[in-house]
Protein backbone atom coordinates (compact mmCIF):
# COMPACT_ATOMS: atom_id res chain seq x y z
CA MET A 1 -17.56 -82.28 -26.35
CA ALA A 2 -20.18 -84.58 -25.11
CA ARG A 3 -19.62 -86.95 -22.28
CA PHE A 4 -19.54 -90.58 -23.06
CA LEU A 5 -19.43 -93.27 -20.31
CA ALA A 6 -16.94 -96.24 -20.79
CA VAL A 7 -17.85 -99.27 -18.40
CA TYR A 8 -15.41 -102.20 -18.38
CA THR A 9 -16.37 -105.29 -18.32
CA MET A 10 -15.31 -109.10 -17.38
CA LYS A 11 -16.60 -112.16 -17.34
CA PRO A 12 -16.42 -113.62 -13.41
CA GLU A 13 -15.15 -116.97 -14.75
CA ASP A 14 -12.58 -115.03 -16.90
CA LEU A 15 -11.56 -113.47 -13.75
CA ALA A 16 -11.80 -116.76 -11.69
CA ALA A 17 -9.30 -118.26 -14.40
CA PHE A 18 -7.40 -115.11 -13.98
CA ARG A 19 -7.20 -115.15 -9.99
CA SER A 20 -6.40 -118.94 -10.27
CA ARG A 21 -2.97 -118.93 -11.92
CA PRO A 22 0.08 -118.70 -10.02
CA LYS A 23 0.70 -115.76 -8.04
CA SER A 24 3.76 -114.95 -9.63
CA GLU A 25 2.12 -114.92 -12.72
CA GLN A 26 -0.58 -112.51 -11.89
CA LYS A 27 1.96 -109.86 -10.50
CA ALA A 28 3.44 -109.91 -13.88
CA ILE A 29 0.71 -109.45 -15.52
CA ASP A 30 -0.63 -106.42 -12.98
CA GLU A 31 3.24 -104.95 -13.17
CA VAL A 32 2.77 -104.51 -16.96
CA GLY A 33 -0.60 -103.81 -17.51
CA LEU A 34 -0.91 -101.55 -14.66
CA LYS A 35 1.93 -99.84 -16.53
CA ALA A 36 0.09 -99.79 -19.65
CA TRP A 37 -2.82 -98.48 -18.44
CA GLU A 38 -1.00 -95.80 -16.90
CA GLU A 39 0.64 -94.99 -20.22
CA TRP A 40 -2.89 -95.03 -21.90
CA ASP A 41 -3.79 -92.37 -19.32
CA LYS A 42 -1.13 -90.50 -20.14
CA ARG A 43 -2.12 -90.30 -24.08
CA ASN A 44 -5.97 -89.95 -23.48
CA ALA A 45 -5.30 -87.25 -20.53
CA ALA A 46 -7.17 -84.57 -22.76
CA ALA A 47 -10.42 -86.39 -23.05
CA ILE A 48 -10.35 -87.89 -19.59
CA VAL A 49 -12.94 -86.24 -17.55
CA ALA A 50 -13.47 -88.44 -14.63
CA THR A 51 -10.24 -91.16 -13.29
CA ASP A 52 -10.58 -95.17 -13.50
CA VAL A 53 -13.21 -96.23 -11.11
CA MET A 54 -12.79 -100.00 -10.44
CA VAL A 55 -15.48 -101.97 -8.26
CA GLY A 56 -15.97 -104.73 -6.53
CA LYS A 57 -18.64 -107.61 -5.28
CA THR A 58 -22.18 -106.51 -5.69
CA LYS A 59 -25.28 -106.27 -3.68
CA ARG A 60 -28.40 -106.01 -5.71
CA VAL A 61 -31.20 -104.14 -4.12
CA THR A 62 -34.74 -105.05 -5.32
CA LYS A 63 -38.70 -104.98 -4.11
CA SER A 64 -38.23 -107.82 -2.11
CA GLY A 65 -34.70 -106.89 -0.48
CA ILE A 66 -31.06 -106.83 -0.81
CA ALA A 67 -28.81 -110.20 -1.91
CA ASP A 68 -25.72 -110.77 -3.46
CA ALA A 69 -25.01 -110.67 -6.85
CA GLN A 70 -22.95 -110.84 -9.95
CA ASN A 71 -22.44 -108.88 -13.07
CA GLN A 72 -19.63 -107.95 -15.26
CA ILE A 73 -19.11 -104.40 -14.41
CA ALA A 74 -15.15 -103.92 -13.46
CA GLY A 75 -15.18 -100.30 -13.26
CA PHE A 76 -15.76 -97.00 -15.35
CA LEU A 77 -14.11 -93.93 -17.00
CA ILE A 78 -16.27 -90.87 -18.20
CA VAL A 79 -14.29 -89.40 -21.41
CA GLU A 80 -14.98 -86.45 -23.53
CA ALA A 81 -14.62 -87.18 -27.26
CA ALA A 82 -16.51 -85.58 -30.60
CA ASP A 83 -18.87 -88.33 -30.91
CA ILE A 84 -19.41 -91.79 -29.74
CA ALA A 85 -17.28 -93.54 -32.61
CA ALA A 86 -14.23 -91.26 -31.30
CA ALA A 87 -15.36 -91.99 -27.73
CA ALA A 88 -14.99 -95.46 -28.81
CA ALA A 89 -11.81 -95.62 -30.50
CA LEU A 90 -10.14 -94.28 -27.54
CA PHE A 91 -9.80 -97.58 -25.95
CA LEU A 92 -9.24 -99.71 -28.71
CA ASP A 93 -5.67 -100.39 -27.15
CA HIS A 94 -6.95 -100.35 -24.09
CA PRO A 95 -5.15 -102.66 -21.33
CA HIS A 96 -8.19 -104.19 -19.64
CA ILE A 97 -8.87 -105.67 -23.40
CA THR A 98 -5.23 -106.21 -24.12
CA ILE A 99 -3.63 -107.50 -21.18
CA PHE A 100 -6.26 -107.81 -18.29
CA PRO A 101 -8.94 -110.31 -18.68
CA GLY A 102 -10.96 -108.14 -19.29
CA ASP A 103 -13.70 -109.20 -22.30
CA GLY A 104 -14.79 -105.32 -23.01
CA ILE A 105 -15.47 -101.75 -22.78
CA ASP A 106 -18.90 -100.55 -23.11
CA VAL A 107 -19.12 -96.51 -24.35
CA MET A 108 -22.40 -95.07 -24.28
CA PRO A 109 -23.30 -91.23 -24.17
CA VAL A 110 -23.89 -89.35 -21.20
CA VAL A 111 -27.34 -87.97 -21.11
CA THR A 112 -27.26 -85.28 -18.60
CA GLY A 113 -25.62 -82.37 -18.79
CA PRO A 114 -22.39 -81.64 -16.25
CA PRO A 115 -23.31 -79.38 -12.99
CA GLU A 116 -23.65 -75.48 -13.39
CA GLU A 117 -21.44 -73.76 -11.83
């Protein structure tokens, strides 16, 4: 089976709007969302190659040096599927976009093979 990288995206302004809600509201959404995320993981366990990795603030390294940066990457996951359409379909009901303020999940093929054992 082919491997696909799924990148969770979230606009900085959507995260800021979520964080500006009352803490009790954030906590309620987190509780529902994390439970749904756990259920999604269980339903799709056979396809998941690498567990979710969520990321924080960004530093960008260029020829000019290191600076603070912003991007829309909130995390990523690697799955196996027959093709990219099947991989993308796994995420249609994902809590990142149905409960949390995520704006999308970009799915793309991994073009390097797994390490040889």
